[in-house]
Structure formats: C-alpha cells, structure tokens
C-alpha cells in the first residue's frame, strides 16, 4: 500500500494544476434502466419527488481548467443540455456496458468548434470491446462526420491535458470488480468515483485513503451478482473512510427517502443534480 501512496504522491507533484478544487456534478445516478423504469407503477417510479427520477450514471468534473466526463451513456445528450456543458476535454470510461458508453457519438458536437480530438481513457479489456462496438469510430474512421475520439487503454496513473490551454490534471485509475469483469473507478484529487462495483480489491484500498468525497455503487438491498448491496456498500464505505460518501447506480426498489433512512452519518443516496467539491 505504501508503494501505491508514494507513487501517487510523486505523480501529483509533477503535474501542473490550475485550481485547488475538484468540482463535481452527478448528472445521472440511476441503474441501467433509469428510474422511473418503463411500465413500472411502483412507489418509486410514480413518486413526485424529483430525487426519485434518475438518469443513467454519468459524472461531470471541472478541475484545473479542465472539463471531464466520467461515462457517456444513453442519456448523455439530455444531460449535456440540462447542465449546459459546453466543453469536454476527455472522457473517462469505467467499463463498456451499454448504459455507460452508448452515448459516445454524442461527444461529436464538442468537436465542431475545436477540432482537437477527445481522448477516451478505458481499461484495456473495455477498450477492446469499444473498438468492436464503435468500429466506425475507432477502426475505420472513414464515415463522414465521424467523431474524432482517441481510445487510450490505461493500466496506471495518467495525465489529462486541456484541449484549449496548457492545463493538465493527474488521474489515478482504481481497479475494481463488476461481477466477472475487471473495470475501473477513478480518483481525481481527493474525489473518487466507483460505480458498478461488486468488490473493491484490497490492493485498491490504499489508493482510496484520505478522500473528501467517495461516490460508490449502492444498487439495492436485495443481492445482485454484479453490484454491492446497500449494506455491503455501507461496510465498504466505512472501511475506506471518506469524509462523505454518496451511493449511486440506484435501482427503483426504494424511494430516495426510504434509502436515506438506512444511512449512517456521512453517507447518503446520491441524486441527479447533486454537486459538491473536493480538494486536490
């Protein structure tokens, strides 16, 4: 663990950062179907509480003059319009499942006025899948108007650069497990984002020390082979020890208020439009 901490510390000192805050907006906090679920009449899906209306998981991060999006799912266009997103310097991809990547083509408008390609960072396994899913972008590239996206497999800390300035920011990928898949979470300063988690390996825990804010999978109470239960999420969050933990990728089994009633201090169910800051 100490080796991971020393590498991360050295990596941060070598990188240019223009701000001392990480500004985060959770643009979507729902499970793969979104909430309400099509055709469902349960208490959550018919709730008038806006916190029970959840788009698919996506996160927008502003730091050091850069603008990053974590996952680009089927609701990304709607989210970009809703949150007035005008710039994207890079996309960080947790994994290749439909609800996290199918909106990649909607990055195209960000290239209309800035031709510099947008890097998309992903686990090597997910990068291979994305090459097949979006072969017209990442293999052929001859289709007229194809978005200029650079798919970059990552296995260790990396630096994202602004497409409009000299600003850069360091990012550390967090290896996590999603059922039978090895996928990634991301740490940016003292903020970490870990969605679609069934296990946080012990070797990754040292990369998650000293967090201001952790966003962590917390699907539902009933066990699921690909996700943490709420109780297990609480246990994992307690072990990691962030100052504040928000649970995401939430299903329609509980209303926001019912979910909140299960929470210990310093933890809570995230919701669309939640914003917060963390230090670098």
Protein backbone atom coordinates (compact mmCIF):
# COMPACT_ATOMS: atom_id res chain seq x y z
CA UNK A 1 0.00 0.00 0.00
CA UNK A 2 2.81 2.40 0.85
CA UNK A 3 4.23 1.94 -2.65
CA UNK A 4 0.92 2.98 -4.19
CA UNK A 5 0.76 6.05 -1.93
CA UNK A 6 4.31 7.13 -2.74
CA UNK A 7 3.77 6.70 -6.48
CA UNK A 8 0.54 8.73 -6.33
CA UNK A 9 2.20 11.49 -4.28
CA UNK A 10 5.14 11.81 -6.69
CA UNK A 11 2.78 11.74 -9.67
CA UNK A 12 0.70 14.62 -8.32
CA UNK A 13 3.74 16.81 -7.55
CA UNK A 14 4.98 16.55 -11.13
CA UNK A 15 1.75 17.71 -12.72
CA UNK A 16 0.55 21.25 -13.47
CA UNK A 17 -2.80 22.11 -11.88
CA UNK A 18 -4.55 25.48 -12.18
CA UNK A 19 -7.05 25.07 -9.34
CA UNK A 20 -7.12 23.60 -5.86
CA UNK A 21 -10.68 22.31 -6.10
CA UNK A 22 -12.40 19.46 -7.89
CA UNK A 23 -15.96 20.49 -8.79
CA UNK A 24 -18.31 17.56 -9.40
CA UNK A 25 -21.84 17.28 -10.76
CA UNK A 26 -23.62 13.93 -10.76
CA UNK A 27 -25.63 14.08 -13.98
CA UNK A 28 -27.18 10.64 -13.53
CA UNK A 29 -27.41 8.27 -10.57
CA UNK A 30 -29.75 5.54 -11.80
CA UNK A 31 -29.33 1.90 -12.68
CA UNK A 32 -29.16 0.64 -16.27
CA UNK A 33 -32.91 1.10 -16.92
CA UNK A 34 -33.07 4.57 -15.41
CA UNK A 35 -35.79 5.47 -12.92
CA UNK A 36 -38.74 5.54 -13.49
CA UNK A 37 -38.50 2.15 -15.18
CA UNK A 38 -40.59 1.82 -18.34
CA UNK A 39 -44.04 0.49 -17.50
CA UNK A 40 -43.46 0.27 -13.74
CA UNK A 41 -46.05 1.59 -11.27
CA UNK A 42 -44.11 1.03 -8.03
CA UNK A 43 -43.91 3.74 -5.36
CA UNK A 44 -40.52 4.94 -6.59
CA UNK A 45 -41.39 5.04 -10.28
CA UNK A 46 -44.58 7.01 -9.60
CA UNK A 47 -43.03 9.26 -6.96
CA UNK A 48 -43.44 13.03 -7.37
CA UNK A 49 -40.08 13.56 -5.62
CA UNK A 50 -37.56 14.71 -8.27
CA UNK A 51 -34.85 12.82 -6.38
CA UNK A 52 -36.60 9.61 -7.46
CA UNK A 53 -36.11 10.50 -11.14
CA UNK A 54 -32.73 9.10 -12.13
CA UNK A 55 -30.94 9.21 -15.48
CA UNK A 56 -28.22 6.69 -16.27
CA UNK A 57 -24.93 7.17 -14.40
CA UNK A 58 -22.64 9.93 -15.57
CA UNK A 59 -20.46 12.45 -13.81
CA UNK A 60 -19.07 15.84 -14.91
CA UNK A 61 -15.86 17.10 -13.32
CA UNK A 62 -14.24 20.51 -13.57
CA UNK A 63 -10.71 20.87 -12.24
CA UNK A 64 -7.65 22.90 -13.08
CA UNK A 65 -9.24 24.48 -16.14
CA UNK A 66 -10.23 21.08 -17.50
CA UNK A 67 -13.66 19.55 -18.13
CA UNK A 68 -14.03 15.80 -17.81
CA UNK A 69 -16.94 13.43 -18.18
CA UNK A 70 -16.98 10.03 -16.50
CA UNK A 71 -19.04 7.63 -18.64
CA UNK A 72 -21.10 8.68 -21.63
CA UNK A 73 -24.33 6.70 -21.52
CA UNK A 74 -27.65 6.78 -23.40
CA UNK A 75 -28.80 9.91 -21.55
CA UNK A 76 -25.65 11.94 -22.21
CA UNK A 77 -27.15 14.31 -24.79
CA UNK A 78 -30.02 15.12 -22.43
CA UNK A 79 -27.57 15.58 -19.56
CA UNK A 80 -25.25 17.84 -21.56
CA UNK A 81 -28.17 20.08 -22.48
CA UNK A 82 -29.60 20.07 -18.95
CA UNK A 83 -26.30 21.03 -17.32
CA UNK A 84 -25.13 23.48 -20.01
CA UNK A 85 -21.99 21.52 -20.77
CA UNK A 86 -20.01 23.45 -23.35
CA UNK A 87 -16.60 21.79 -23.05
CA UNK A 88 -15.26 18.25 -22.74
CA UNK A 89 -11.51 17.72 -22.66
CA UNK A 90 -11.61 13.96 -22.07
CA UNK A 91 -13.92 11.05 -21.31
CA UNK A 92 -13.07 8.56 -18.58
CA UNK A 93 -14.79 5.21 -19.18
CA UNK A 94 -15.40 2.90 -16.23
CA UNK A 95 -16.40 -0.06 -18.46
CA UNK A 96 -18.04 -0.93 -21.75
CA UNK A 97 -21.61 -1.77 -20.72
CA UNK A 98 -24.38 -0.12 -22.77
CA UNK A 99 -25.58 2.23 -20.04
CA UNK A 100 -22.10 3.72 -19.65
CA UNK A 101 -20.85 4.14 -23.23
CA UNK A 102 -23.61 4.17 -25.83
CA UNK A 103 -23.62 7.98 -25.91
CA UNK A 104 -20.03 8.28 -27.12
CA UNK A 105 -21.15 9.59 -30.50
CA UNK A 106 -22.84 12.49 -28.70
CA UNK A 107 -19.39 13.88 -27.99
CA UNK A 108 -19.31 14.95 -31.65
CA UNK A 109 -20.71 18.48 -31.13
CA UNK A 110 -17.78 19.29 -28.82
CA UNK A 111 -15.56 18.90 -31.90
CA UNK A 112 -17.48 21.35 -34.09
CA UNK A 113 -15.62 24.42 -32.80
CA UNK A 114 -12.49 22.70 -31.54
CA UNK A 115 -11.05 20.07 -33.90
CA UNK A 116 -8.61 18.67 -31.33
CA UNK A 117 -9.54 15.04 -30.74
CA UNK A 118 -11.12 13.97 -27.45
CA UNK A 119 -9.23 11.20 -25.63
CA UNK A 120 -11.32 8.38 -24.15
CA UNK A 121 -9.48 6.52 -21.39
CA UNK A 122 -10.54 2.96 -20.58
CA UNK A 123 -9.41 -0.36 -19.11
CA UNK A 124 -7.62 -2.41 -21.81
CA UNK A 125 -10.40 -5.02 -21.79
CA UNK A 126 -13.07 -2.39 -22.20
CA UNK A 127 -11.03 -0.65 -24.90
CA UNK A 128 -11.07 -3.85 -26.98
CA UNK A 129 -14.84 -4.11 -26.61
CA UNK A 130 -15.30 -0.46 -27.55
CA UNK A 131 -13.25 -0.96 -30.71
CA UNK A 132 -15.83 -3.52 -31.79
CA UNK A 133 -18.90 -1.65 -30.57
CA UNK A 134 -17.81 1.59 -32.26
CA UNK A 135 -15.69 0.24 -35.10
CA UNK A 136 -16.79 3.10 -37.37
CA UNK A 137 -15.07 5.48 -34.92
CA UNK A 138 -12.08 3.56 -33.60
CA UNK A 139 -11.18 1.26 -36.53
CA UNK A 140 -12.46 2.59 -39.83
CA UNK A 141 -12.80 6.31 -39.18
CA UNK A 142 -13.84 6.97 -42.79
CA UNK A 143 -17.52 7.67 -42.15
CA UNK A 144 -18.23 11.37 -42.94
CA UNK A 145 -18.52 13.34 -39.75
CA UNK A 146 -17.19 10.55 -37.55
CA UNK A 147 -16.24 11.99 -34.13
CA UNK A 148 -12.51 12.36 -33.57
CA UNK A 149 -12.12 10.26 -30.44
CA UNK A 150 -8.82 8.71 -29.36
CA UNK A 151 -9.29 5.45 -27.46
CA UNK A 152 -6.49 5.10 -24.89
CA UNK A 153 -6.10 1.90 -22.83
CA UNK A 154 -4.78 2.64 -19.33
CA UNK A 155 -3.22 0.49 -16.63
CA UNK A 156 -1.72 3.10 -14.33
CA UNK A 157 -1.80 6.82 -13.44
CA UNK A 158 -2.11 9.18 -16.37
CA UNK A 159 -2.37 12.89 -17.12
CA UNK A 160 -5.23 14.59 -18.95
CA UNK A 161 -4.47 17.77 -20.89
CA UNK A 162 -6.84 20.56 -21.81
CA UNK A 163 -7.81 20.85 -25.47
CA UNK A 164 -7.72 24.65 -25.20
CA UNK A 165 -4.89 25.52 -22.79
CA UNK A 166 -1.77 24.16 -21.14
CA UNK A 167 -3.66 22.97 -18.08
CA UNK A 168 -3.20 19.35 -17.05
CA UNK A 169 -4.52 17.19 -14.23
CA UNK A 170 -3.38 13.81 -12.88
CA UNK A 171 -5.81 10.93 -12.61
CA UNK A 172 -5.35 7.57 -10.98
CA UNK A 173 -7.44 4.59 -12.13
CA UNK A 174 -8.80 2.38 -9.35
CA UNK A 175 -9.02 -1.34 -10.26
CA UNK A 176 -12.40 -2.70 -9.13
CA UNK A 177 -14.56 -5.73 -9.91
CA UNK A 178 -18.01 -5.76 -11.54
CA UNK A 179 -19.19 -9.36 -11.31
CA UNK A 180 -16.74 -11.24 -13.55
CA UNK A 181 -15.34 -8.06 -15.12
CA UNK A 182 -12.24 -6.13 -14.14
CA UNK A 183 -13.19 -2.48 -14.55
CA UNK A 184 -12.05 0.93 -13.32
CA UNK A 185 -13.02 3.65 -10.95
CA UNK A 186 -11.17 6.96 -10.96
CA UNK A 187 -9.56 9.19 -8.35
CA UNK A 188 -9.13 12.89 -9.10
CA UNK A 189 -7.54 14.70 -6.19
CA UNK A 190 -9.46 13.72 -3.09
CA UNK A 191 -12.55 12.65 -5.00
CA UNK A 192 -13.12 9.06 -6.15
CA UNK A 193 -15.87 7.64 -8.35
CA UNK A 194 -16.58 3.89 -8.18
CA UNK A 195 -19.77 2.86 -9.91
CA UNK A 196 -20.86 -0.69 -10.86
CA UNK A 197 -18.92 -2.40 -8.08
CA UNK A 198 -19.29 -5.88 -6.65
CA UNK A 199 -15.88 -5.82 -4.96
CA UNK A 200 -13.16 -3.28 -4.17
CA UNK A 201 -9.96 -5.36 -4.07
CA UNK A 202 -7.75 -4.99 -1.04
CA UNK A 203 -4.90 -3.83 -3.29
CA UNK A 204 -7.02 -0.86 -4.38
CA UNK A 205 -7.86 0.32 -0.88
CA UNK A 206 -4.52 2.10 -0.49
CA UNK A 207 -5.40 4.26 -3.48
CA UNK A 208 -8.54 5.47 -1.72
CA UNK A 209 -7.12 6.86 1.51
CA UNK A 210 -7.70 10.47 2.55
CA UNK A 211 -10.75 11.09 0.39
CA UNK A 212 -13.00 14.09 0.87
CA UNK A 213 -15.80 12.53 -1.20
CA UNK A 214 -16.41 8.97 -2.40
CA UNK A 215 -19.14 8.06 -4.88
CA UNK A 216 -19.80 4.33 -4.63
CA UNK A 217 -22.18 1.79 -6.11
CA UNK A 218 -25.20 1.11 -3.88
CA UNK A 219 -27.79 -0.59 -6.08
CA UNK A 220 -30.41 -2.02 -3.69
CA UNK A 221 -30.96 -4.17 -0.58
CA UNK A 222 -31.50 -7.44 -2.48
CA UNK A 223 -28.25 -9.19 -3.52
CA UNK A 224 -27.09 -8.80 -7.11
CA UNK A 225 -24.17 -10.69 -8.73
CA UNK A 226 -22.74 -7.52 -10.31
CA UNK A 227 -23.31 -4.89 -7.63
CA UNK A 228 -22.88 -4.20 -3.94
CA UNK A 229 -25.96 -4.31 -1.74
CA UNK A 230 -26.71 -1.20 0.30
CA UNK A 231 -25.48 -2.84 3.49
CA UNK A 232 -22.28 -4.03 1.85
CA UNK A 233 -21.77 -0.58 0.34
CA UNK A 234 -22.02 0.92 3.82
CA UNK A 235 -19.42 -1.56 5.07
CA UNK A 236 -17.03 -0.82 2.21
CA UNK A 237 -17.52 2.93 2.59
CA UNK A 238 -16.84 2.68 6.32
CA UNK A 239 -13.60 0.82 5.62
CA UNK A 240 -12.48 3.41 3.04
CA UNK A 241 -13.34 6.23 5.42
CA UNK A 242 -14.08 9.18 3.14
CA UNK A 243 -15.39 12.30 4.85
CA UNK A 244 -18.57 12.00 2.76
CA UNK A 245 -19.88 9.05 0.75
CA UNK A 246 -22.67 9.18 -1.82
CA UNK A 247 -24.18 5.99 -3.21
CA UNK A 248 -25.07 5.79 -6.90
CA UNK A 249 -26.36 3.43 -9.61
CA UNK A 250 -29.57 3.19 -7.57
CA UNK A 251 -32.48 0.94 -8.56
CA UNK A 252 -36.20 1.59 -8.06
CA UNK A 253 -36.60 -0.80 -5.12
CA UNK A 254 -36.57 2.04 -2.57
CA UNK A 255 -37.60 5.67 -2.73
CA UNK A 256 -34.95 8.27 -2.01
CA UNK A 257 -36.44 8.88 1.44
CA UNK A 258 -36.54 5.15 2.25
CA UNK A 259 -32.93 4.80 1.15
CA UNK A 260 -31.92 7.84 3.20
CA UNK A 261 -33.47 6.28 6.33
CA UNK A 262 -30.88 3.46 6.12
CA UNK A 263 -27.88 5.77 6.08
CA UNK A 264 -25.33 6.33 8.86
CA UNK A 265 -23.79 9.79 9.35
CA UNK A 266 -21.61 10.95 6.48
CA UNK A 267 -23.36 8.77 3.90
CA UNK A 268 -26.41 9.17 1.70
CA UNK A 269 -28.08 8.22 -1.56
CA UNK A 270 -26.88 10.42 -4.39
CA UNK A 271 -29.37 12.02 -6.76
CA UNK A 272 -29.29 13.70 -10.16
CA UNK A 273 -28.04 17.32 -9.98
CA UNK A 274 -26.05 16.70 -6.79
CA UNK A 275 -22.95 18.94 -6.81
CA UNK A 276 -20.02 19.07 -4.44
CA UNK A 277 -16.33 19.96 -4.21
CA UNK A 278 -13.24 18.08 -3.10
CA UNK A 279 -9.66 19.23 -2.65
CA UNK A 280 -6.72 18.31 -4.84
